[in-house]
């Protein structure tokens, strides 16, 4: 406030220090604004990092880190070639070749057997089914003078009536005791063993073969040797015989 003489009136101490304080505060505010304006990027970085620490699930130890996806287009390493033993296709190819060769061989064999056109023509092997069982059902033990008997059944499953040789050479009955060949219906019947039967489709031909417990020999020697008590096995053999189960039986004294 001015005095009556035109000179400014003296300022009290309170007003003087109050003005100084306002000026100091203003200066501090200016410095603070300048400092804030010079460091905006650091504040923003800190804010972004804090926000990422909250929202990023990878920061949690309970969530496993994902493995990088495998690049399917990447070329394999040159020195990672498998050994020949690790390649199963070689064995499969070899087996396939063997199967094809066997199939070709069987096809050639079946082509040689012509289909019968007349009843007197021989039946094809694939059209004949042969089976054998005990003549007396479920009898596997023979005591005293009882002789084992075997019932043979021959069936034509083809469409055409045809002829089958059911003689002792064509369908041979063999008796063994272990590895010992004891008896055969084919011994010493050359030229006398043919027995042809005309078979209609599905109509079985059955006959019985009886073993008199005697040993036979391929050289036709005369012998009256009798089979000893023990276990024996009977089998059928021949070009038309396939998949016939052997029969096991016992001879008693």
Protein backbone atom coordinates (compact mmCIF):
# COMPACT_ATOMS: atom_id res chain seq x y z
CA UNK A 1 0.00 0.00 0.00
CA UNK A 2 1.46 3.44 -1.00
CA UNK A 3 2.14 6.22 1.54
CA UNK A 4 0.93 9.85 1.25
CA UNK A 5 4.33 10.88 -0.03
CA UNK A 6 4.13 8.54 -3.10
CA UNK A 7 6.65 5.96 -1.89
CA UNK A 8 5.63 2.41 -1.18
CA UNK A 9 4.87 1.70 2.39
CA UNK A 10 7.20 -0.67 4.25
CA UNK A 11 6.19 -4.40 4.10
CA UNK A 12 5.75 -6.33 7.28
CA UNK A 13 7.92 -9.38 7.97
CA UNK A 14 4.95 -11.79 7.79
CA UNK A 15 3.97 -10.66 4.34
CA UNK A 16 7.57 -10.71 3.20
CA UNK A 17 8.21 -14.39 4.18
CA UNK A 18 4.80 -15.44 2.94
CA UNK A 19 5.67 -14.08 -0.50
CA UNK A 20 9.04 -15.79 -0.38
CA UNK A 21 7.32 -19.12 0.46
CA UNK A 22 4.89 -18.78 -2.47
CA UNK A 23 7.80 -18.09 -4.81
CA UNK A 24 9.73 -21.10 -3.50
CA UNK A 25 6.71 -23.37 -3.88
CA UNK A 26 6.20 -22.13 -7.41
CA UNK A 27 9.82 -22.81 -8.27
CA UNK A 28 9.55 -26.34 -6.84
CA UNK A 29 6.40 -26.98 -8.84
CA UNK A 30 8.15 -25.82 -11.99
CA UNK A 31 11.07 -28.17 -11.35
CA UNK A 32 8.67 -31.04 -10.64
CA UNK A 33 6.82 -30.46 -13.92
CA UNK A 34 10.09 -30.29 -15.81
CA UNK A 35 11.29 -33.55 -14.21
CA UNK A 36 8.02 -35.31 -15.01
CA UNK A 37 8.12 -34.05 -18.61
CA UNK A 38 11.66 -35.35 -19.06
CA UNK A 39 10.92 -38.93 -17.83
CA UNK A 40 7.52 -40.01 -19.32
CA UNK A 41 8.91 -43.17 -21.00
CA UNK A 42 10.27 -44.59 -17.74
CA UNK A 43 6.94 -44.16 -16.03
CA UNK A 44 5.10 -45.74 -18.94
CA UNK A 45 7.58 -48.69 -19.01
CA UNK A 46 7.11 -49.26 -15.31
CA UNK A 47 3.33 -49.14 -15.74
CA UNK A 48 3.45 -51.58 -18.68
CA UNK A 49 5.71 -53.99 -16.82
CA UNK A 50 3.44 -53.90 -13.77
CA UNK A 51 0.41 -54.52 -15.95
CA UNK A 52 2.16 -57.40 -17.77
CA UNK A 53 3.07 -58.99 -14.47
CA UNK A 54 -0.61 -59.12 -13.59
CA UNK A 55 -2.12 -60.24 -16.92
CA UNK A 56 0.62 -62.55 -18.31
CA UNK A 57 -0.18 -66.16 -17.24
CA UNK A 58 3.40 -67.22 -17.97
CA UNK A 59 4.43 -65.38 -14.82
CA UNK A 60 2.61 -68.03 -12.76
CA UNK A 61 4.75 -71.13 -11.90
CA UNK A 62 1.65 -73.36 -12.04
CA UNK A 63 1.31 -72.90 -15.83
CA UNK A 64 4.03 -74.82 -17.77
CA UNK A 65 5.75 -72.99 -20.55
CA UNK A 66 4.64 -74.18 -23.98
CA UNK A 67 7.23 -75.94 -26.12
CA UNK A 68 7.88 -74.38 -29.49
CA UNK A 69 5.96 -76.09 -32.27
CA UNK A 70 7.98 -78.42 -34.45
CA UNK A 71 8.64 -77.16 -37.92
CA UNK A 72 7.33 -79.95 -40.17
CA UNK A 73 9.01 -78.41 -43.20
CA UNK A 74 12.47 -78.59 -41.66
CA UNK A 75 14.79 -80.98 -43.41
CA UNK A 76 16.14 -83.96 -41.37
CA UNK A 77 19.75 -84.04 -40.38
CA UNK A 78 21.95 -85.84 -42.85
CA UNK A 79 23.65 -88.06 -40.25
CA UNK A 80 20.31 -89.23 -38.72
CA UNK A 81 19.63 -91.95 -41.30
CA UNK A 82 18.17 -95.19 -39.80
CA UNK A 83 20.08 -98.45 -39.86
CA UNK A 84 18.77 -101.23 -42.14
CA UNK A 85 17.60 -103.27 -39.15
CA UNK A 86 15.22 -100.47 -38.14
CA UNK A 87 13.31 -100.57 -41.43
CA UNK A 88 10.41 -103.09 -41.07
CA UNK A 89 9.31 -102.64 -44.66
CA UNK A 90 12.17 -104.81 -45.93
CA UNK A 91 10.88 -107.89 -44.09
CA UNK A 92 7.31 -107.14 -45.14
CA UNK A 93 8.33 -106.80 -48.77
CA UNK A 94 10.21 -110.11 -48.61
CA UNK A 95 7.20 -111.84 -47.06
CA UNK A 96 4.91 -110.31 -49.67
CA UNK A 97 7.19 -111.59 -52.42
CA UNK A 98 7.21 -115.08 -50.90
CA UNK A 99 3.41 -115.04 -50.55
CA UNK A 100 3.01 -113.97 -54.16
CA UNK A 101 5.38 -116.71 -55.33
CA UNK A 102 3.48 -119.32 -53.30
CA UNK A 103 0.19 -118.03 -54.64
CA UNK A 104 1.54 -118.24 -58.16
CA UNK A 105 2.77 -121.78 -57.57
CA UNK A 106 -0.59 -122.88 -56.15
CA UNK A 107 -2.36 -121.20 -59.05
CA UNK A 108 -0.23 -123.17 -61.50
CA UNK A 109 -1.02 -126.39 -59.65
CA UNK A 110 -4.75 -125.74 -59.64
CA UNK A 111 -4.67 -124.83 -63.33
CA UNK A 112 -3.27 -128.29 -64.17
CA UNK A 113 -6.28 -130.04 -62.60
CA UNK A 114 -9.07 -129.66 -65.15
CA UNK A 115 -12.65 -129.54 -63.91
CA UNK A 116 -14.49 -132.84 -64.56
CA UNK A 117 -17.02 -132.73 -67.40
CA UNK A 118 -18.26 -136.35 -67.23
CA UNK A 119 -18.93 -138.73 -64.31
CA UNK A 120 -15.98 -140.93 -65.24
CA UNK A 121 -13.56 -137.99 -65.07
CA UNK A 122 -11.41 -137.84 -61.90
CA UNK A 123 -12.43 -135.39 -59.23
CA UNK A 124 -10.20 -132.42 -58.55
CA UNK A 125 -8.34 -132.56 -55.20
CA UNK A 126 -9.99 -129.33 -54.04
CA UNK A 127 -13.42 -130.91 -54.61
CA UNK A 128 -12.79 -133.93 -52.37
CA UNK A 129 -13.14 -133.89 -48.56
CA UNK A 130 -11.91 -136.92 -46.59
CA UNK A 131 -12.35 -137.62 -42.87
CA UNK A 132 -11.68 -140.55 -40.51
CA UNK A 133 -13.02 -141.68 -37.12
CA UNK A 134 -13.19 -144.89 -35.08
CA UNK A 135 -15.60 -147.44 -36.50
CA UNK A 136 -16.98 -147.88 -32.99
CA UNK A 137 -17.54 -144.38 -31.69
CA UNK A 138 -15.44 -143.29 -28.74
CA UNK A 139 -13.65 -146.63 -28.57
CA UNK A 140 -9.96 -146.04 -28.07
CA UNK A 141 -8.95 -149.23 -26.22
CA UNK A 142 -8.93 -152.75 -27.67
CA UNK A 143 -8.38 -155.77 -25.46
CA UNK A 144 -8.28 -159.52 -26.17
CA UNK A 145 -8.90 -160.32 -29.82
CA UNK A 146 -10.63 -157.07 -30.72
CA UNK A 147 -9.23 -155.43 -33.86
CA UNK A 148 -9.22 -151.63 -34.30
CA UNK A 149 -11.50 -150.34 -37.06
CA UNK A 150 -11.51 -146.96 -38.77
CA UNK A 151 -14.42 -145.35 -40.62
CA UNK A 152 -13.35 -143.34 -43.70
CA UNK A 153 -15.73 -140.86 -45.36
CA UNK A 154 -15.16 -139.36 -48.83
CA UNK A 155 -17.37 -136.52 -50.11
CA UNK A 156 -17.45 -134.74 -53.47
CA UNK A 157 -18.21 -131.06 -52.89
CA UNK A 158 -17.97 -130.09 -56.57
CA UNK A 159 -20.94 -129.49 -58.84
CA UNK A 160 -20.11 -132.27 -61.32
CA UNK A 161 -20.33 -136.00 -60.57
CA UNK A 162 -16.80 -137.43 -60.77
CA UNK A 163 -14.71 -140.46 -59.87
CA UNK A 164 -12.38 -141.01 -56.89
CA UNK A 165 -9.93 -143.85 -56.27
CA UNK A 166 -10.54 -145.02 -52.69
CA UNK A 167 -8.14 -147.98 -52.90
CA UNK A 168 -5.48 -148.76 -50.24
CA UNK A 169 -2.74 -146.94 -52.15
CA UNK A 170 -4.68 -143.81 -53.08
CA UNK A 171 -6.02 -143.42 -49.52
CA UNK A 172 -3.41 -145.17 -47.38
CA UNK A 173 -3.96 -146.11 -43.72
CA UNK A 174 -0.75 -145.90 -41.70
CA UNK A 175 -0.24 -147.25 -38.18
CA UNK A 176 2.70 -146.08 -36.07
CA UNK A 177 3.97 -146.78 -32.58
CA UNK A 178 6.09 -143.76 -31.80
CA UNK A 179 8.46 -143.48 -34.78
CA UNK A 180 8.08 -147.15 -35.66
CA UNK A 181 6.09 -147.76 -38.85
CA UNK A 182 4.01 -150.80 -37.97
CA UNK A 183 1.44 -151.20 -40.74
CA UNK A 184 0.30 -149.74 -44.08
CA UNK A 185 -2.58 -150.70 -46.36
CA UNK A 186 -0.33 -149.84 -49.34
CA UNK A 187 2.21 -152.61 -48.65
CA UNK A 188 2.33 -155.23 -51.43
CA UNK A 189 -0.84 -154.17 -53.32
CA UNK A 190 0.74 -152.74 -56.49
CA UNK A 191 -1.53 -153.19 -59.48
CA UNK A 192 -4.33 -154.50 -57.30
CA UNK A 193 -5.07 -151.48 -55.20
CA UNK A 194 -7.32 -149.36 -57.42
CA UNK A 195 -10.92 -149.05 -56.29
CA UNK A 196 -12.77 -146.32 -58.14
CA UNK A 197 -16.04 -144.90 -56.88
CA UNK A 198 -18.31 -142.49 -58.74
CA UNK A 199 -19.38 -139.73 -56.37
CA UNK A 200 -22.35 -137.40 -56.75
CA UNK A 201 -22.23 -133.95 -55.24
CA UNK A 202 -22.72 -134.02 -51.46
CA UNK A 203 -23.37 -137.78 -51.25
CA UNK A 204 -20.71 -139.35 -48.96
CA UNK A 205 -19.00 -142.64 -49.66
CA UNK A 206 -18.14 -144.48 -46.42
CA UNK A 207 -16.11 -147.63 -45.80
CA UNK A 208 -14.28 -149.30 -42.88
CA UNK A 209 -10.62 -150.25 -42.65
CA UNK A 210 -9.80 -152.92 -40.04
CA UNK A 211 -6.33 -153.62 -38.71
CA UNK A 212 -5.72 -157.24 -37.69
CA UNK A 213 -2.87 -156.24 -35.34
CA UNK A 214 -0.26 -157.59 -37.76
CA UNK A 215 2.93 -155.88 -38.86
CA UNK A 216 3.39 -155.30 -42.61
CA UNK A 217 6.54 -154.67 -44.63
CA UNK A 218 7.25 -152.80 -47.85
CA UNK A 219 9.35 -155.71 -49.19
CA UNK A 220 6.38 -158.10 -48.85
CA UNK A 221 8.24 -160.54 -46.58
CA UNK A 222 6.07 -163.20 -44.99
CA UNK A 223 5.73 -162.70 -41.26
CA UNK A 224 3.26 -163.52 -38.57
CA UNK A 225 4.54 -160.86 -36.20
CA UNK A 226 1.78 -159.48 -34.03
CA UNK A 227 1.61 -155.97 -32.65
CA UNK A 228 2.46 -155.76 -28.98
CA UNK A 229 0.25 -154.11 -26.36
CA UNK A 230 0.77 -150.36 -26.19
CA UNK A 231 -0.27 -147.03 -27.66
CA UNK A 232 -0.58 -146.53 -31.43
CA UNK A 233 -1.64 -143.79 -33.82
CA UNK A 234 -3.52 -144.03 -37.14
CA UNK A 235 -3.19 -141.56 -40.03
CA UNK A 236 -4.42 -141.26 -43.62
CA UNK A 237 -2.05 -140.43 -46.49
CA UNK A 238 -2.69 -139.67 -50.17
CA UNK A 239 -2.94 -137.03 -52.86
CA UNK A 240 -6.56 -136.32 -51.94
CA UNK A 241 -5.97 -136.40 -48.17
CA UNK A 242 -5.66 -133.04 -46.45
CA UNK A 243 -6.18 -131.94 -42.86
CA UNK A 244 -7.29 -135.32 -41.47
CA UNK A 245 -6.64 -135.63 -37.72
CA UNK A 246 -4.79 -138.68 -36.48
CA UNK A 247 -6.48 -141.14 -34.11
CA UNK A 248 -4.67 -142.41 -31.00
CA UNK A 249 -5.64 -145.78 -29.50
CA UNK A 250 -4.36 -148.51 -27.16
CA UNK A 251 -3.92 -152.24 -27.66
CA UNK A 252 -4.22 -154.43 -24.58
CA UNK A 253 -3.17 -158.06 -24.21
